[in-house]
All heavy atoms as atom14 arrays in JSON, in Angstrom:
{
  "sequence": "IGRFVDKEVEIQGWLYNIRSKGKIAFLQLRDGTGRIQGVAEESSC",
  "atom14_mask": [
    [1, 1, 1, 1, 1, 1, 1, 1, 0, 0, 0, 0, 0, 0],
    [1, 1, 1, 1, 0, 0, 0, 0, 0, 0, 0, 0, 0, 0],
    [1, 1, 1, 1, 1, 1, 1, 1, 1, 1, 1, 0, 0, 0],
    [1, 1, 1, 1, 1, 1, 1, 1, 1, 1, 1, 0, 0, 0],
    [1, 1, 1, 1, 1, 1, 1, 0, 0, 0, 0, 0, 0, 0],
    [1, 1, 1, 1, 1, 1, 1, 1, 0, 0, 0, 0, 0, 0],
    [1, 1, 1, 1, 1, 1, 1, 1, 1, 0, 0, 0, 0, 0],
    [1, 1, 1, 1, 1, 1, 1, 1, 1, 0, 0, 0, 0, 0],
    [1, 1, 1, 1, 1, 1, 1, 0, 0, 0, 0, 0, 0, 0],
    [1, 1, 1, 1, 1, 1, 1, 1, 1, 0, 0, 0, 0, 0],
    [1, 1, 1, 1, 1, 1, 1, 1, 0, 0, 0, 0, 0, 0],
    [1, 1, 1, 1, 1, 1, 1, 1, 1, 0, 0, 0, 0, 0],
    [1, 1, 1, 1, 0, 0, 0, 0, 0, 0, 0, 0, 0, 0],
    [1, 1, 1, 1, 1, 1, 1, 1, 1, 1, 1, 1, 1, 1],
    [1, 1, 1, 1, 1, 1, 1, 1, 0, 0, 0, 0, 0, 0],
    [1, 1, 1, 1, 1, 1, 1, 1, 1, 1, 1, 1, 0, 0],
    [1, 1, 1, 1, 1, 1, 1, 1, 0, 0, 0, 0, 0, 0],
    [1, 1, 1, 1, 1, 1, 1, 1, 0, 0, 0, 0, 0, 0],
    [1, 1, 1, 1, 1, 1, 1, 1, 1, 1, 1, 0, 0, 0],
    [1, 1, 1, 1, 1, 1, 0, 0, 0, 0, 0, 0, 0, 0],
    [1, 1, 1, 1, 1, 1, 1, 1, 1, 0, 0, 0, 0, 0],
    [1, 1, 1, 1, 0, 0, 0, 0, 0, 0, 0, 0, 0, 0],
    [1, 1, 1, 1, 1, 1, 1, 1, 1, 0, 0, 0, 0, 0],
    [1, 1, 1, 1, 1, 1, 1, 1, 0, 0, 0, 0, 0, 0],
    [1, 1, 1, 1, 1, 0, 0, 0, 0, 0, 0, 0, 0, 0],
    [1, 1, 1, 1, 1, 1, 1, 1, 1, 1, 1, 0, 0, 0],
    [1, 1, 1, 1, 1, 1, 1, 1, 0, 0, 0, 0, 0, 0],
    [1, 1, 1, 1, 1, 1, 1, 1, 1, 0, 0, 0, 0, 0],
    [1, 1, 1, 1, 1, 1, 1, 1, 0, 0, 0, 0, 0, 0],
    [1, 1, 1, 1, 1, 1, 1, 1, 1, 1, 1, 0, 0, 0],
    [1, 1, 1, 1, 1, 1, 1, 1, 0, 0, 0, 0, 0, 0],
    [1, 1, 1, 1, 0, 0, 0, 0, 0, 0, 0, 0, 0, 0],
    [1, 1, 1, 1, 1, 1, 1, 0, 0, 0, 0, 0, 0, 0],
    [1, 1, 1, 1, 0, 0, 0, 0, 0, 0, 0, 0, 0, 0],
    [1, 1, 1, 1, 1, 1, 1, 1, 1, 1, 1, 0, 0, 0],
    [1, 1, 1, 1, 1, 1, 1, 1, 0, 0, 0, 0, 0, 0],
    [1, 1, 1, 1, 1, 1, 1, 1, 1, 0, 0, 0, 0, 0],
    [1, 1, 1, 1, 0, 0, 0, 0, 0, 0, 0, 0, 0, 0],
    [1, 1, 1, 1, 1, 1, 1, 0, 0, 0, 0, 0, 0, 0],
    [1, 1, 1, 1, 1, 0, 0, 0, 0, 0, 0, 0, 0, 0],
    [1, 1, 1, 1, 1, 1, 1, 1, 1, 0, 0, 0, 0, 0],
    [1, 1, 1, 1, 1, 1, 1, 1, 1, 0, 0, 0, 0, 0],
    [1, 1, 1, 1, 1, 1, 0, 0, 0, 0, 0, 0, 0, 0],
    [1, 1, 1, 1, 1, 1, 0, 0, 0, 0, 0, 0, 0, 0],
    [1, 1, 1, 1, 1, 1, 0, 0, 0, 0, 0, 0, 0, 0]
  ],
  "atom14_positions": [
    [[115.13, 165.04, 104.19], [115.97, 164.5, 105.25], [116.67, 165.59, 106.08], [116.89, 165.41, 107.27], [116.99, 163.49, 104.67], [117.42, 162.48, 105.74], [118.19, 164.17, 104.06], [116.46, 161.38, 105.96], [0.0, 0.0, 0.0], [0.0, 0.0, 0.0], [0.0, 0.0, 0.0], [0.0, 0.0, 0.0], [0.0, 0.0, 0.0], [0.0, 0.0, 0.0]],
    [[116.98, 166.72, 105.47], [117.67, 167.8, 106.17], [116.9, 168.38, 107.35], [117.49, 168.99, 108.24], [0.0, 0.0, 0.0], [0.0, 0.0, 0.0], [0.0, 0.0, 0.0], [0.0, 0.0, 0.0], [0.0, 0.0, 0.0], [0.0, 0.0, 0.0], [0.0, 0.0, 0.0], [0.0, 0.0, 0.0], [0.0, 0.0, 0.0], [0.0, 0.0, 0.0]],
    [[115.61, 168.16, 107.38], [114.79, 168.66, 108.5], [114.83, 167.74, 109.71], [114.23, 168.03, 110.73], [113.34, 168.84, 108.05], [113.19, 169.84, 106.93], [111.76, 170.08, 106.57], [110.95, 168.85, 106.68], [109.68, 168.77, 106.39], [109.02, 169.83, 106.0], [109.03, 167.63, 106.5], [0.0, 0.0, 0.0], [0.0, 0.0, 0.0], [0.0, 0.0, 0.0]],
    [[115.54, 166.61, 109.59], [115.51, 165.6, 110.64], [116.9, 165.27, 111.2], [117.12, 164.16, 111.71], [114.83, 164.33, 110.11], [113.42, 164.56, 109.71], [113.1, 164.91, 108.4], [112.39, 164.48, 110.63], [111.79, 165.15, 108.01], [111.07, 164.72, 110.26], [110.77, 165.06, 108.95], [0.0, 0.0, 0.0], [0.0, 0.0, 0.0], [0.0, 0.0, 0.0]],
    [[117.83, 166.21, 111.14], [119.18, 165.99, 111.66], [119.1, 165.62, 113.15], [118.35, 166.23, 113.91], [120.07, 167.24, 111.44], [121.42, 167.07, 112.12], [120.24, 167.5, 109.95], [0.0, 0.0, 0.0], [0.0, 0.0, 0.0], [0.0, 0.0, 0.0], [0.0, 0.0, 0.0], [0.0, 0.0, 0.0], [0.0, 0.0, 0.0], [0.0, 0.0, 0.0]],
    [[119.85, 164.6, 113.52], [119.91, 164.06, 114.88], [118.62, 163.39, 115.33], [118.41, 163.16, 116.52], [120.32, 165.14, 115.9], [121.72, 165.66, 115.66], [122.57, 164.86, 115.21], [121.96, 166.85, 115.9], [0.0, 0.0, 0.0], [0.0, 0.0, 0.0], [0.0, 0.0, 0.0], [0.0, 0.0, 0.0], [0.0, 0.0, 0.0], [0.0, 0.0, 0.0]],
    [[117.76, 163.03, 114.39], [116.51, 162.34, 114.71], [116.52, 160.95, 114.06], [117.14, 160.73, 113.04], [115.32, 163.13, 114.19], [115.22, 164.54, 114.74], [113.83, 164.82, 115.2], [113.56, 166.21, 115.67], [114.45, 166.93, 116.45], [0.0, 0.0, 0.0], [0.0, 0.0, 0.0], [0.0, 0.0, 0.0], [0.0, 0.0, 0.0], [0.0, 0.0, 0.0]],
    [[115.78, 160.04, 114.69], [115.58, 158.7, 114.14], [114.44, 158.75, 113.12], [113.37, 159.27, 113.44], [115.23, 157.71, 115.24], [116.38, 157.36, 116.14], [117.22, 156.22, 115.62], [116.72, 155.37, 114.86], [118.41, 156.19, 115.98], [0.0, 0.0, 0.0], [0.0, 0.0, 0.0], [0.0, 0.0, 0.0], [0.0, 0.0, 0.0], [0.0, 0.0, 0.0]],
    [[114.69, 158.22, 111.92], [113.68, 158.23, 110.86], [113.67, 156.87, 110.15], [114.55, 156.04, 110.37], [113.96, 159.34, 109.81], [113.92, 160.71, 110.45], [115.26, 159.11, 109.09], [0.0, 0.0, 0.0], [0.0, 0.0, 0.0], [0.0, 0.0, 0.0], [0.0, 0.0, 0.0], [0.0, 0.0, 0.0], [0.0, 0.0, 0.0], [0.0, 0.0, 0.0]],
    [[112.68, 156.7, 109.29], [112.63, 155.54, 108.41], [112.54, 156.03, 106.98], [111.74, 156.92, 106.67], [111.42, 154.67, 108.73], [111.32, 153.46, 107.8], [110.19, 152.53, 108.18], [110.36, 151.77, 109.15], [109.14, 152.58, 107.51], [0.0, 0.0, 0.0], [0.0, 0.0, 0.0], [0.0, 0.0, 0.0], [0.0, 0.0, 0.0], [0.0, 0.0, 0.0]],
    [[113.36, 155.45, 106.13], [113.33, 155.73, 104.69], [112.84, 154.47, 104.0], [113.32, 153.36, 104.29], [114.72, 156.11, 104.16], [115.15, 157.45, 104.75], [114.73, 156.16, 102.64], [116.55, 157.84, 104.4], [0.0, 0.0, 0.0], [0.0, 0.0, 0.0], [0.0, 0.0, 0.0], [0.0, 0.0, 0.0], [0.0, 0.0, 0.0], [0.0, 0.0, 0.0]],
    [[111.88, 154.62, 103.09], [111.37, 153.49, 102.33], [111.79, 153.69, 100.88], [111.49, 154.71, 100.27], [109.85, 153.43, 102.44], [109.4, 153.22, 103.86], [107.89, 153.19, 104.01], [107.14, 153.55, 103.1], [107.44, 152.75, 105.17], [0.0, 0.0, 0.0], [0.0, 0.0, 0.0], [0.0, 0.0, 0.0], [0.0, 0.0, 0.0], [0.0, 0.0, 0.0]],
    [[112.53, 152.72, 100.35], [113.02, 152.87, 98.99], [113.73, 151.63, 98.49], [113.37, 150.51, 98.86], [0.0, 0.0, 0.0], [0.0, 0.0, 0.0], [0.0, 0.0, 0.0], [0.0, 0.0, 0.0], [0.0, 0.0, 0.0], [0.0, 0.0, 0.0], [0.0, 0.0, 0.0], [0.0, 0.0, 0.0], [0.0, 0.0, 0.0], [0.0, 0.0, 0.0]],
    [[114.76, 151.86, 97.67], [115.48, 150.78, 97.01], [116.98, 150.93, 97.21], [117.5, 152.04, 97.3], [115.19, 150.79, 95.51], [113.76, 150.56, 95.2], [113.14, 149.37, 95.0], [112.75, 151.56, 95.07], [111.81, 149.57, 94.77], [111.55, 150.91, 94.8], [112.75, 152.96, 95.17], [110.35, 151.58, 94.62], [111.57, 153.63, 94.99], [110.39, 152.95, 94.72]],
    [[117.65, 149.81, 97.23], [119.1, 149.78, 97.29], [119.63, 149.83, 95.87], [119.3, 148.97, 95.06], [119.56, 148.48, 97.97], [121.05, 148.28, 98.06], [121.63, 149.19, 99.13], [121.37, 146.82, 98.37], [0.0, 0.0, 0.0], [0.0, 0.0, 0.0], [0.0, 0.0, 0.0], [0.0, 0.0, 0.0], [0.0, 0.0, 0.0], [0.0, 0.0, 0.0]],
    [[120.42, 150.88, 95.54], [120.96, 150.9, 94.19], [122.44, 150.57, 94.15], [123.01, 150.37, 93.07], [120.62, 152.19, 93.43], [121.38, 153.43, 93.84], [122.59, 153.76, 93.25], [120.86, 154.29, 94.79], [123.27, 154.9, 93.62], [121.53, 155.43, 95.16], [122.74, 155.73, 94.57], [123.4, 156.87, 94.93], [0.0, 0.0, 0.0], [0.0, 0.0, 0.0]],
    [[123.09, 150.45, 95.3], [124.48, 149.99, 95.34], [124.83, 149.7, 96.79], [124.25, 150.28, 97.7], [125.44, 151.02, 94.75], [126.77, 150.42, 94.36], [126.96, 149.22, 94.43], [127.69, 151.26, 93.94], [0.0, 0.0, 0.0], [0.0, 0.0, 0.0], [0.0, 0.0, 0.0], [0.0, 0.0, 0.0], [0.0, 0.0, 0.0], [0.0, 0.0, 0.0]],
    [[125.81, 148.83, 96.99], [126.29, 148.53, 98.34], [127.77, 148.18, 98.26], [128.21, 147.54, 97.32], [125.48, 147.38, 98.98], [125.86, 147.18, 100.44], [125.6, 146.1, 98.19], [124.93, 146.27, 101.22], [0.0, 0.0, 0.0], [0.0, 0.0, 0.0], [0.0, 0.0, 0.0], [0.0, 0.0, 0.0], [0.0, 0.0, 0.0], [0.0, 0.0, 0.0]],
    [[128.52, 148.69, 99.25], [129.94, 148.34, 99.4], [130.13, 147.97, 100.87], [129.49, 148.53, 101.74], [130.88, 149.52, 99.11], [130.63, 150.31, 97.92], [131.68, 151.42, 97.68], [132.09, 152.27, 98.77], [131.45, 153.34, 99.22], [130.29, 153.66, 98.73], [131.94, 154.08, 100.18], [0.0, 0.0, 0.0], [0.0, 0.0, 0.0], [0.0, 0.0, 0.0]],
    [[131.02, 147.05, 101.09], [131.3, 146.71, 102.49], [132.78, 146.47, 102.68], [133.49, 146.08, 101.76], [130.49, 145.49, 102.93], [130.88, 144.35, 102.21], [0.0, 0.0, 0.0], [0.0, 0.0, 0.0], [0.0, 0.0, 0.0], [0.0, 0.0, 0.0], [0.0, 0.0, 0.0], [0.0, 0.0, 0.0], [0.0, 0.0, 0.0], [0.0, 0.0, 0.0]],
    [[133.2, 146.76, 103.89], [134.59, 146.57, 104.31], [134.55, 145.95, 105.69], [134.37, 146.66, 106.68], [135.29, 147.92, 104.38], [136.16, 148.27, 103.24], [136.87, 149.56, 103.56], [138.2, 149.55, 102.87], [138.87, 150.82, 102.94], [0.0, 0.0, 0.0], [0.0, 0.0, 0.0], [0.0, 0.0, 0.0], [0.0, 0.0, 0.0], [0.0, 0.0, 0.0]],
    [[134.62, 144.64, 105.76], [134.6, 143.97, 107.05], [133.3, 144.16, 107.79], [132.25, 143.69, 107.37], [0.0, 0.0, 0.0], [0.0, 0.0, 0.0], [0.0, 0.0, 0.0], [0.0, 0.0, 0.0], [0.0, 0.0, 0.0], [0.0, 0.0, 0.0], [0.0, 0.0, 0.0], [0.0, 0.0, 0.0], [0.0, 0.0, 0.0], [0.0, 0.0, 0.0]],
    [[133.34, 144.89, 108.88], [132.18, 145.06, 109.76], [131.44, 146.37, 109.51], [130.68, 146.83, 110.35], [132.62, 145.0, 111.22], [133.38, 143.76, 111.59], [132.46, 142.6, 111.78], [133.26, 141.38, 112.24], [132.45, 140.23, 112.41], [0.0, 0.0, 0.0], [0.0, 0.0, 0.0], [0.0, 0.0, 0.0], [0.0, 0.0, 0.0], [0.0, 0.0, 0.0]],
    [[131.65, 146.97, 108.33], [130.94, 148.2, 107.97], [130.43, 148.08, 106.53], [131.11, 147.53, 105.67], [131.83, 149.44, 108.15], [131.03, 150.72, 107.97], [133.04, 149.41, 107.25], [131.76, 151.98, 108.42], [0.0, 0.0, 0.0], [0.0, 0.0, 0.0], [0.0, 0.0, 0.0], [0.0, 0.0, 0.0], [0.0, 0.0, 0.0], [0.0, 0.0, 0.0]],
    [[129.2, 148.56, 106.3], [128.6, 148.52, 104.96], [128.07, 149.91, 104.62], [127.56, 150.62, 105.48], [127.48, 147.49, 104.91], [0.0, 0.0, 0.0], [0.0, 0.0, 0.0], [0.0, 0.0, 0.0], [0.0, 0.0, 0.0], [0.0, 0.0, 0.0], [0.0, 0.0, 0.0], [0.0, 0.0, 0.0], [0.0, 0.0, 0.0], [0.0, 0.0, 0.0]],
    [[128.21, 150.27, 103.36], [127.72, 151.55, 102.85], [126.6, 151.25, 101.86], [126.83, 150.67, 100.81], [128.85, 152.32, 102.17], [130.01, 152.59, 103.08], [131.09, 151.72, 103.11], [130.01, 153.69, 103.92], [132.17, 151.96, 103.95], [131.07, 153.93, 104.78], [132.16, 153.07, 104.79], [0.0, 0.0, 0.0], [0.0, 0.0, 0.0], [0.0, 0.0, 0.0]],
    [[125.38, 151.63, 102.23], [124.21, 151.38, 101.4], [123.84, 152.65, 100.65], [123.59, 153.69, 101.26], [123.02, 150.98, 102.28], [123.1, 149.66, 103.03], [123.94, 149.81, 104.26], [121.71, 149.22, 103.4], [0.0, 0.0, 0.0], [0.0, 0.0, 0.0], [0.0, 0.0, 0.0], [0.0, 0.0, 0.0], [0.0, 0.0, 0.0], [0.0, 0.0, 0.0]],
    [[123.8, 152.57, 99.34], [123.34, 153.68, 98.52], [121.84, 153.47, 98.32], [121.43, 152.5, 97.69], [124.07, 153.71, 97.18], [125.59, 153.76, 97.31], [126.06, 155.01, 98.01], [125.63, 156.11, 97.68], [126.95, 154.85, 98.97], [0.0, 0.0, 0.0], [0.0, 0.0, 0.0], [0.0, 0.0, 0.0], [0.0, 0.0, 0.0], [0.0, 0.0, 0.0]],
    [[121.06, 154.37, 98.9], [119.6, 154.23, 98.9], [118.95, 155.3, 98.04], [119.48, 156.42, 97.94], [119.08, 154.34, 100.33], [119.69, 153.36, 101.33], [119.38, 153.79, 102.75], [119.17, 151.95, 101.06], [0.0, 0.0, 0.0], [0.0, 0.0, 0.0], [0.0, 0.0, 0.0], [0.0, 0.0, 0.0], [0.0, 0.0, 0.0], [0.0, 0.0, 0.0]],
    [[117.8, 154.96, 97.46], [117.05, 155.95, 96.69], [115.57, 155.76, 96.96], [115.12, 154.67, 97.3], [117.34, 155.85, 95.2], [116.87, 154.57, 94.56], [117.15, 154.54, 93.06], [116.77, 153.27, 92.48], [115.56, 152.95, 92.09], [114.57, 153.82, 92.18], [115.3, 151.76, 91.58], [0.0, 0.0, 0.0], [0.0, 0.0, 0.0], [0.0, 0.0, 0.0]],
    [[114.85, 156.86, 96.83], [113.39, 156.81, 96.8], [112.98, 157.69, 95.64], [113.82, 158.07, 94.83], [112.75, 157.2, 98.15], [112.95, 158.66, 98.54], [113.48, 159.45, 97.72], [112.57, 159.01, 99.66], [0.0, 0.0, 0.0], [0.0, 0.0, 0.0], [0.0, 0.0, 0.0], [0.0, 0.0, 0.0], [0.0, 0.0, 0.0], [0.0, 0.0, 0.0]],
    [[111.73, 158.02, 95.51], [111.29, 158.84, 94.39], [111.74, 160.28, 94.45], [111.53, 161.04, 93.52], [0.0, 0.0, 0.0], [0.0, 0.0, 0.0], [0.0, 0.0, 0.0], [0.0, 0.0, 0.0], [0.0, 0.0, 0.0], [0.0, 0.0, 0.0], [0.0, 0.0, 0.0], [0.0, 0.0, 0.0], [0.0, 0.0, 0.0], [0.0, 0.0, 0.0]],
    [[112.4, 160.68, 95.55], [112.76, 162.09, 95.73], [114.26, 162.36, 95.76], [114.67, 163.5, 95.7], [112.16, 162.65, 97.03], [112.81, 162.02, 98.16], [110.65, 162.42, 97.1], [0.0, 0.0, 0.0], [0.0, 0.0, 0.0], [0.0, 0.0, 0.0], [0.0, 0.0, 0.0], [0.0, 0.0, 0.0], [0.0, 0.0, 0.0], [0.0, 0.0, 0.0]],
    [[115.07, 161.31, 95.9], [116.51, 161.55, 95.98], [117.29, 160.32, 96.37], [116.77, 159.2, 96.38], [0.0, 0.0, 0.0], [0.0, 0.0, 0.0], [0.0, 0.0, 0.0], [0.0, 0.0, 0.0], [0.0, 0.0, 0.0], [0.0, 0.0, 0.0], [0.0, 0.0, 0.0], [0.0, 0.0, 0.0], [0.0, 0.0, 0.0], [0.0, 0.0, 0.0]],
    [[118.57, 160.57, 96.72], [119.49, 159.49, 97.11], [120.22, 159.88, 98.39], [120.46, 161.06, 98.63], [120.52, 159.27, 96.01], [119.91, 158.78, 94.73], [120.97, 158.62, 93.68], [120.36, 158.11, 92.46], [121.03, 157.71, 91.41], [122.35, 157.77, 91.41], [120.4, 157.26, 90.36], [0.0, 0.0, 0.0], [0.0, 0.0, 0.0], [0.0, 0.0, 0.0]],
    [[120.58, 158.85, 99.15], [121.33, 159.08, 100.38], [122.16, 157.83, 100.67], [121.79, 156.73, 100.26], [120.4, 159.42, 101.57], [121.2, 159.95, 102.75], [119.56, 158.22, 101.95], [120.33, 160.57, 103.84], [0.0, 0.0, 0.0], [0.0, 0.0, 0.0], [0.0, 0.0, 0.0], [0.0, 0.0, 0.0], [0.0, 0.0, 0.0], [0.0, 0.0, 0.0]],
    [[123.25, 158.03, 101.39], [124.05, 156.9, 101.82], [123.7, 156.54, 103.25], [123.6, 157.39, 104.11], [125.54, 157.24, 101.74], [126.43, 156.11, 102.24], [127.89, 156.34, 101.93], [128.34, 155.97, 100.86], [128.6, 156.98, 102.84], [0.0, 0.0, 0.0], [0.0, 0.0, 0.0], [0.0, 0.0, 0.0], [0.0, 0.0, 0.0], [0.0, 0.0, 0.0]],
    [[123.53, 155.24, 103.47], [123.34, 154.72, 104.81], [124.62, 154.02, 105.22], [125.21, 153.28, 104.43], [0.0, 0.0, 0.0], [0.0, 0.0, 0.0], [0.0, 0.0, 0.0], [0.0, 0.0, 0.0], [0.0, 0.0, 0.0], [0.0, 0.0, 0.0], [0.0, 0.0, 0.0], [0.0, 0.0, 0.0], [0.0, 0.0, 0.0], [0.0, 0.0, 0.0]],
    [[125.06, 154.24, 106.45], [126.27, 153.61, 106.96], [125.85, 152.65, 108.08], [125.25, 153.07, 109.06], [127.27, 154.66, 107.48], [128.51, 153.98, 108.02], [127.62, 155.67, 106.39], [0.0, 0.0, 0.0], [0.0, 0.0, 0.0], [0.0, 0.0, 0.0], [0.0, 0.0, 0.0], [0.0, 0.0, 0.0], [0.0, 0.0, 0.0], [0.0, 0.0, 0.0]],
    [[126.17, 151.37, 107.88], [125.82, 150.35, 108.87], [127.09, 149.73, 109.44], [127.9, 149.19, 108.7], [124.97, 149.27, 108.22], [0.0, 0.0, 0.0], [0.0, 0.0, 0.0], [0.0, 0.0, 0.0], [0.0, 0.0, 0.0], [0.0, 0.0, 0.0], [0.0, 0.0, 0.0], [0.0, 0.0, 0.0], [0.0, 0.0, 0.0], [0.0, 0.0, 0.0]],
    [[127.25, 149.84, 110.74], [128.37, 149.2, 111.44], [127.78, 148.07, 112.27], [126.84, 148.29, 113.04], [129.09, 150.19, 112.33], [129.81, 151.27, 111.55], [130.61, 152.19, 112.45], [131.52, 151.68, 113.13], [130.29, 153.39, 112.48], [0.0, 0.0, 0.0], [0.0, 0.0, 0.0], [0.0, 0.0, 0.0], [0.0, 0.0, 0.0], [0.0, 0.0, 0.0]],
    [[128.36, 146.89, 112.14], [127.84, 145.74, 112.87], [127.78, 146.0, 114.37], [126.82, 145.6, 115.03], [128.67, 144.49, 112.58], [128.09, 143.25, 113.22], [128.84, 141.99, 112.86], [129.98, 142.07, 112.37], [128.27, 140.9, 113.09], [0.0, 0.0, 0.0], [0.0, 0.0, 0.0], [0.0, 0.0, 0.0], [0.0, 0.0, 0.0], [0.0, 0.0, 0.0]],
    [[128.76, 146.71, 114.9], [128.8, 146.97, 116.34], [127.65, 147.84, 116.82], [127.23, 147.73, 117.97], [130.13, 147.63, 116.72], [130.28, 148.87, 116.06], [0.0, 0.0, 0.0], [0.0, 0.0, 0.0], [0.0, 0.0, 0.0], [0.0, 0.0, 0.0], [0.0, 0.0, 0.0], [0.0, 0.0, 0.0], [0.0, 0.0, 0.0], [0.0, 0.0, 0.0]],
    [[127.1, 148.68, 115.95], [126.01, 149.56, 116.39], [124.63, 149.1, 115.92], [123.63, 149.37, 116.58], [126.26, 151.0, 115.95], [126.35, 151.08, 114.55], [0.0, 0.0, 0.0], [0.0, 0.0, 0.0], [0.0, 0.0, 0.0], [0.0, 0.0, 0.0], [0.0, 0.0, 0.0], [0.0, 0.0, 0.0], [0.0, 0.0, 0.0], [0.0, 0.0, 0.0]],
    [[124.55, 148.39, 114.78], [123.23, 147.97, 114.31], [122.92, 146.53, 114.69], [121.78, 146.1, 114.58], [123.08, 148.18, 112.81], [124.07, 147.11, 111.77], [0.0, 0.0, 0.0], [0.0, 0.0, 0.0], [0.0, 0.0, 0.0], [0.0, 0.0, 0.0], [0.0, 0.0, 0.0], [0.0, 0.0, 0.0], [0.0, 0.0, 0.0], [0.0, 0.0, 0.0]]
  ]
}
């Protein structure tokens, strides 16, 4: 992922945790190579 800063990408994997606060959600994602947090704001997505 570090090679794609400021670029649009697709990650294929699994959700291993999720937290939300109103109009924002934090998705903990994993694939076979690592983990990353996705931040989803209703106003932007």
